[in-house]
Amino acid sequence: IVRDGTVVGFFQLDTRSVPGAPAAA
């Protein structure tokens, strides 16, 4: 996550979902 050229955040997307959540294509 970038605001005005400065890094201010981060996250990841996981194609397997996440533990405890439904998983599907």
PDB file of all heavy atoms in Angstrom:
ATOM      1  N   ILE A   1       0.871  -1.178   0.000  1.00  0.00           N
ATOM      2  CA  ILE A   1       0.000   0.000   0.000  1.00  0.00           C
ATOM      3  C   ILE A   1       0.909   1.229   0.000  1.00  0.00           C
ATOM      4  O   ILE A   1       1.758   1.378   0.878  1.00  0.00           O
ATOM      5  CB  ILE A   1      -0.933   0.001   1.223  1.00  0.00           C
ATOM      6  CG1 ILE A   1      -1.763  -1.290   1.264  1.00  0.00           C
ATOM      7  CG2 ILE A   1      -1.832   1.235   1.203  1.00  0.00           C
ATOM      8  CD1 ILE A   1      -2.505  -1.514   2.571  1.00  0.00           C
ATOM      9  N   VAL A   2       0.716   2.078  -0.993  1.00  0.00           N
ATOM     10  CA  VAL A   2       1.575   3.253  -1.178  1.00  0.00           C
ATOM     11  C   VAL A   2       0.701   4.506  -1.146  1.00  0.00           C
ATOM     12  O   VAL A   2      -0.339   4.556  -1.792  1.00  0.00           O
ATOM     13  CB  VAL A   2       2.327   3.169  -2.528  1.00  0.00           C
ATOM     14  CG1 VAL A   2       3.211   4.374  -2.737  1.00  0.00           C
ATOM     15  CG2 VAL A   2       3.123   1.873  -2.616  1.00  0.00           C
ATOM     16  N   ARG A   3       1.147   5.490  -0.384  1.00  0.00           N
ATOM     17  CA  ARG A   3       0.451   6.786  -0.378  1.00  0.00           C
ATOM     18  C   ARG A   3       1.443   7.855  -0.806  1.00  0.00           C
ATOM     19  O   ARG A   3       2.485   8.040  -0.179  1.00  0.00           O
ATOM     20  CB  ARG A   3      -0.104   7.116   1.010  1.00  0.00           C
ATOM     21  CG  ARG A   3      -0.801   8.479   1.033  1.00  0.00           C
ATOM     22  CD  ARG A   3      -1.481   8.786   2.321  1.00  0.00           C
ATOM     23  NE  ARG A   3      -0.508   8.849   3.408  1.00  0.00           N
ATOM     24  CZ  ARG A   3      -0.836   9.033   4.675  1.00  0.00           C
ATOM     25  NH1 ARG A   3      -2.102   9.157   5.020  1.00  0.00           N
ATOM     26  NH2 ARG A   3       0.095   9.079   5.593  1.00  0.00           N
ATOM     27  N   ASP A   4       1.135   8.510  -1.892  1.00  0.00           N
ATOM     28  CA  ASP A   4       2.001   9.579  -2.420  1.00  0.00           C
ATOM     29  C   ASP A   4       3.457   9.139  -2.528  1.00  0.00           C
ATOM     30  O   ASP A   4       4.380   9.865  -2.153  1.00  0.00           O
ATOM     31  CB  ASP A   4       1.895  10.834  -1.551  1.00  0.00           C
ATOM     32  CG  ASP A   4       0.521  11.475  -1.635  1.00  0.00           C
ATOM     33  OD1 ASP A   4      -0.155  11.304  -2.666  1.00  0.00           O
ATOM     34  OD2 ASP A   4       0.124  12.142  -0.664  1.00  0.00           O
ATOM     35  N   GLY A   5       3.682   7.921  -3.009  1.00  0.00           N
ATOM     36  CA  GLY A   5       5.030   7.427  -3.236  1.00  0.00           C
ATOM     37  C   GLY A   5       5.718   6.837  -2.025  1.00  0.00           C
ATOM     38  O   GLY A   5       6.861   6.389  -2.130  1.00  0.00           O
ATOM     39  N   THR A   6       5.043   6.804  -0.874  1.00  0.00           N
ATOM     40  CA  THR A   6       5.626   6.269   0.350  1.00  0.00           C
ATOM     41  C   THR A   6       4.882   5.007   0.771  1.00  0.00           C
ATOM     42  O   THR A   6       3.642   4.998   0.812  1.00  0.00           O
ATOM     43  CB  THR A   6       5.547   7.305   1.496  1.00  0.00           C
ATOM     44  OG1 THR A   6       6.253   8.476   1.090  1.00  0.00           O
ATOM     45  CG2 THR A   6       6.144   6.762   2.776  1.00  0.00           C
ATOM     46  N   VAL A   7       5.621   3.960   1.099  1.00  0.00           N
ATOM     47  CA  VAL A   7       5.010   2.717   1.570  1.00  0.00           C
ATOM     48  C   VAL A   7       4.379   2.962   2.937  1.00  0.00           C
ATOM     49  O   VAL A   7       5.048   3.446   3.852  1.00  0.00           O
ATOM     50  CB  VAL A   7       6.062   1.590   1.659  1.00  0.00           C
ATOM     51  CG1 VAL A   7       5.466   0.347   2.310  1.00  0.00           C
ATOM     52  CG2 VAL A   7       6.614   1.260   0.277  1.00  0.00           C
ATOM     53  N   VAL A   8       3.095   2.646   3.053  1.00  0.00           N
ATOM     54  CA  VAL A   8       2.383   2.831   4.321  1.00  0.00           C
ATOM     55  C   VAL A   8       1.671   1.567   4.780  1.00  0.00           C
ATOM     56  O   VAL A   8       1.074   1.547   5.853  1.00  0.00           O
ATOM     57  CB  VAL A   8       1.378   4.007   4.257  1.00  0.00           C
ATOM     58  CG1 VAL A   8       2.106   5.329   4.101  1.00  0.00           C
ATOM     59  CG2 VAL A   8       0.373   3.806   3.137  1.00  0.00           C
ATOM     60  N   GLY A   9       1.730   0.504   3.987  1.00  0.00           N
ATOM     61  CA  GLY A   9       1.054  -0.724   4.392  1.00  0.00           C
ATOM     62  C   GLY A   9       1.407  -1.894   3.509  1.00  0.00           C
ATOM     63  O   GLY A   9       2.121  -1.755   2.506  1.00  0.00           O
ATOM     64  N   PHE A  10       0.878  -3.042   3.906  1.00  0.00           N
ATOM     65  CA  PHE A  10       1.243  -4.306   3.260  1.00  0.00           C
ATOM     66  C   PHE A  10       0.157  -5.327   3.561  1.00  0.00           C
ATOM     67  O   PHE A  10      -0.455  -5.301   4.626  1.00  0.00           O
ATOM     68  CB  PHE A  10       2.575  -4.780   3.853  1.00  0.00           C
ATOM     69  CG  PHE A  10       3.012  -6.150   3.414  1.00  0.00           C
ATOM     70  CD1 PHE A  10       3.641  -6.331   2.199  1.00  0.00           C
ATOM     71  CD2 PHE A  10       2.824  -7.249   4.225  1.00  0.00           C
ATOM     72  CE1 PHE A  10       4.061  -7.585   1.796  1.00  0.00           C
ATOM     73  CE2 PHE A  10       3.233  -8.508   3.836  1.00  0.00           C
ATOM     74  CZ  PHE A  10       3.859  -8.669   2.616  1.00  0.00           C
ATOM     75  N   PHE A  11      -0.077  -6.226   2.603  1.00  0.00           N
ATOM     76  CA  PHE A  11      -0.929  -7.398   2.845  1.00  0.00           C
ATOM     77  C   PHE A  11      -0.597  -8.463   1.826  1.00  0.00           C
ATOM     78  O   PHE A  11       0.164  -8.228   0.874  1.00  0.00           O
ATOM     79  CB  PHE A  11      -2.420  -7.044   2.839  1.00  0.00           C
ATOM     80  CG  PHE A  11      -2.961  -6.536   1.525  1.00  0.00           C
ATOM     81  CD1 PHE A  11      -3.489  -7.406   0.582  1.00  0.00           C
ATOM     82  CD2 PHE A  11      -2.967  -5.181   1.244  1.00  0.00           C
ATOM     83  CE1 PHE A  11      -4.010  -6.931  -0.616  1.00  0.00           C
ATOM     84  CE2 PHE A  11      -3.476  -4.689   0.055  1.00  0.00           C
ATOM     85  CZ  PHE A  11      -4.002  -5.577  -0.871  1.00  0.00           C
ATOM     86  N   GLN A  12      -1.163  -9.640   2.031  1.00  0.00           N
ATOM     87  CA  GLN A  12      -0.979 -10.730   1.084  1.00  0.00           C
ATOM     88  C   GLN A  12      -2.335 -11.304   0.691  1.00  0.00           C
ATOM     89  O   GLN A  12      -3.255 -11.378   1.517  1.00  0.00           O
ATOM     90  CB  GLN A  12      -0.116 -11.841   1.690  1.00  0.00           C
ATOM     91  CG  GLN A  12       1.311 -11.423   1.885  1.00  0.00           C
ATOM     92  CD  GLN A  12       2.152 -12.496   2.539  1.00  0.00           C
ATOM     93  OE1 GLN A  12       1.661 -13.354   3.252  1.00  0.00           O
ATOM     94  NE2 GLN A  12       3.440 -12.430   2.300  1.00  0.00           N
ATOM     95  N   LEU A  13      -2.431 -11.699  -0.558  1.00  0.00           N
ATOM     96  CA  LEU A  13      -3.575 -12.434  -1.064  1.00  0.00           C
ATOM     97  C   LEU A  13      -3.162 -13.895  -1.154  1.00  0.00           C
ATOM     98  O   LEU A  13      -2.078 -14.208  -1.638  1.00  0.00           O
ATOM     99  CB  LEU A  13      -3.988 -11.907  -2.434  1.00  0.00           C
ATOM    100  CG  LEU A  13      -4.388 -10.427  -2.462  1.00  0.00           C
ATOM    101  CD1 LEU A  13      -4.637  -9.981  -3.897  1.00  0.00           C
ATOM    102  CD2 LEU A  13      -5.606 -10.187  -1.593  1.00  0.00           C
ATOM    103  N   ASP A  14      -4.023 -14.784  -0.665  1.00  0.00           N
ATOM    104  CA  ASP A  14      -3.710 -16.212  -0.623  1.00  0.00           C
ATOM    105  C   ASP A  14      -4.765 -16.972  -1.419  1.00  0.00           C
ATOM    106  O   ASP A  14      -5.948 -16.954  -1.071  1.00  0.00           O
ATOM    107  CB  ASP A  14      -3.686 -16.692   0.828  1.00  0.00           C
ATOM    108  CG  ASP A  14      -3.128 -18.087   0.993  1.00  0.00           C
ATOM    109  OD1 ASP A  14      -3.276 -18.914   0.062  1.00  0.00           O
ATOM    110  OD2 ASP A  14      -2.565 -18.372   2.057  1.00  0.00           O
ATOM    111  N   THR A  15      -4.344 -17.624  -2.495  1.00  0.00           N
ATOM    112  CA  THR A  15      -5.292 -18.338  -3.357  1.00  0.00           C
ATOM    113  C   THR A  15      -5.868 -19.583  -2.701  1.00  0.00           C
ATOM    114  O   THR A  15      -6.802 -20.173  -3.234  1.00  0.00           O
ATOM    115  CB  THR A  15      -4.640 -18.726  -4.700  1.00  0.00           C
ATOM    116  OG1 THR A  15      -3.508 -19.552  -4.445  1.00  0.00           O
ATOM    117  CG2 THR A  15      -4.227 -17.487  -5.476  1.00  0.00           C
ATOM    118  N   ARG A  16      -5.344 -19.969  -1.548  1.00  0.00           N
ATOM    119  CA  ARG A  16      -5.906 -21.113  -0.815  1.00  0.00           C
ATOM    120  C   ARG A  16      -6.887 -20.677   0.255  1.00  0.00           C
ATOM    121  O   ARG A  16      -7.290 -21.491   1.080  1.00  0.00           O
ATOM    122  CB  ARG A  16      -4.796 -21.914  -0.147  1.00  0.00           C
ATOM    123  CG  ARG A  16      -3.834 -22.551  -1.116  1.00  0.00           C
ATOM    124  CD  ARG A  16      -2.677 -23.063  -0.345  1.00  0.00           C
ATOM    125  NE  ARG A  16      -2.190 -21.954   0.506  1.00  0.00           N
ATOM    126  CZ  ARG A  16      -0.931 -21.773   0.853  1.00  0.00           C
ATOM    127  NH1 ARG A  16      -0.023 -22.615   0.488  1.00  0.00           N
ATOM    128  NH2 ARG A  16      -0.584 -20.751   1.582  1.00  0.00           N
ATOM    129  N   SER A  17      -7.244 -19.404   0.292  1.00  0.00           N
ATOM    130  CA  SER A  17      -8.076 -18.836   1.346  1.00  0.00           C
ATOM    131  C   SER A  17      -7.226 -18.659   2.593  1.00  0.00           C
ATOM    132  O   SER A  17      -6.024 -18.408   2.486  1.00  0.00           O
ATOM    133  CB  SER A  17      -9.317 -19.700   1.604  1.00  0.00           C
ATOM    134  OG  SER A  17     -10.188 -19.067   2.515  1.00  0.00           O
ATOM    135  N   VAL A  18      -7.818 -18.767   3.769  1.00  0.00           N
ATOM    136  CA  VAL A  18      -7.090 -18.655   5.039  1.00  0.00           C
ATOM    137  C   VAL A  18      -7.670 -19.682   6.003  1.00  0.00           C
ATOM    138  O   VAL A  18      -8.810 -20.108   5.849  1.00  0.00           O
ATOM    139  CB  VAL A  18      -7.186 -17.232   5.643  1.00  0.00           C
ATOM    140  CG1 VAL A  18      -6.445 -16.217   4.782  1.00  0.00           C
ATOM    141  CG2 VAL A  18      -8.617 -16.808   5.861  1.00  0.00           C
ATOM    142  N   PRO A  19      -6.900 -20.098   7.004  1.00  0.00           N
ATOM    143  CA  PRO A  19      -7.411 -21.085   7.959  1.00  0.00           C
ATOM    144  C   PRO A  19      -8.732 -20.649   8.583  1.00  0.00           C
ATOM    145  O   PRO A  19      -8.905 -19.494   8.968  1.00  0.00           O
ATOM    146  CB  PRO A  19      -6.310 -21.160   9.021  1.00  0.00           C
ATOM    147  CG  PRO A  19      -5.074 -20.741   8.301  1.00  0.00           C
ATOM    148  CD  PRO A  19      -5.524 -19.696   7.317  1.00  0.00           C
ATOM    149  N   GLY A  20      -9.671 -21.579   8.642  1.00  0.00           N
ATOM    150  CA  GLY A  20     -10.969 -21.308   9.238  1.00  0.00           C
ATOM    151  C   GLY A  20     -11.985 -20.700   8.299  1.00  0.00           C
ATOM    152  O   GLY A  20     -13.139 -20.522   8.666  1.00  0.00           O
ATOM    153  N   ALA A  21     -11.582 -20.377   7.083  1.00  0.00           N
ATOM    154  CA  ALA A  21     -12.500 -19.787   6.110  1.00  0.00           C
ATOM    155  C   ALA A  21     -12.754 -20.795   4.990  1.00  0.00           C
ATOM    156  O   ALA A  21     -11.958 -21.710   4.781  1.00  0.00           O
ATOM    157  CB  ALA A  21     -11.904 -18.510   5.530  1.00  0.00           C
ATOM    158  N   PRO A  22     -13.856 -20.631   4.275  1.00  0.00           N
ATOM    159  CA  PRO A  22     -14.113 -21.528   3.150  1.00  0.00           C
ATOM    160  C   PRO A  22     -12.990 -21.454   2.118  1.00  0.00           C
ATOM    161  O   PRO A  22     -12.341 -20.420   1.971  1.00  0.00           O
ATOM    162  CB  PRO A  22     -15.417 -20.990   2.545  1.00  0.00           C
ATOM    163  CG  PRO A  22     -16.012 -20.112   3.594  1.00  0.00           C
ATOM    164  CD  PRO A  22     -14.888 -19.615   4.442  1.00  0.00           C
ATOM    165  N   ALA A  23     -12.766 -22.533   1.420  1.00  0.00           N
ATOM    166  CA  ALA A  23     -11.764 -22.564   0.352  1.00  0.00           C
ATOM    167  C   ALA A  23     -12.424 -23.073  -0.917  1.00  0.00           C
ATOM    168  O   ALA A  23     -13.168 -24.042  -0.893  1.00  0.00           O
ATOM    169  CB  ALA A  23     -10.600 -23.464   0.735  1.00  0.00           C
ATOM    170  N   ALA A  24     -12.177 -22.380  -2.004  1.00  0.00           N
ATOM    171  CA  ALA A  24     -12.684 -22.778  -3.311  1.00  0.00           C
ATOM    172  C   ALA A  24     -11.877 -22.031  -4.360  1.00  0.00           C
ATOM    173  O   ALA A  24     -11.147 -21.081  -4.047  1.00  0.00           O
ATOM    174  CB  ALA A  24     -14.172 -22.439  -3.444  1.00  0.00           C
ATOM    175  N   ALA A  25     -12.014 -22.450  -5.587  1.00  0.00           N
ATOM    176  CA  ALA A  25     -11.234 -21.845  -6.675  1.00  0.00           C
ATOM    177  C   ALA A  25     -11.499 -20.346  -6.819  1.00  0.00           C
ATOM    178  O   ALA A  25     -10.630 -19.602  -7.264  1.00  0.00           O
ATOM    179  CB  ALA A  25     -11.529 -22.560  -7.986  1.00  0.00           C
TER     180      ALA A  25
END
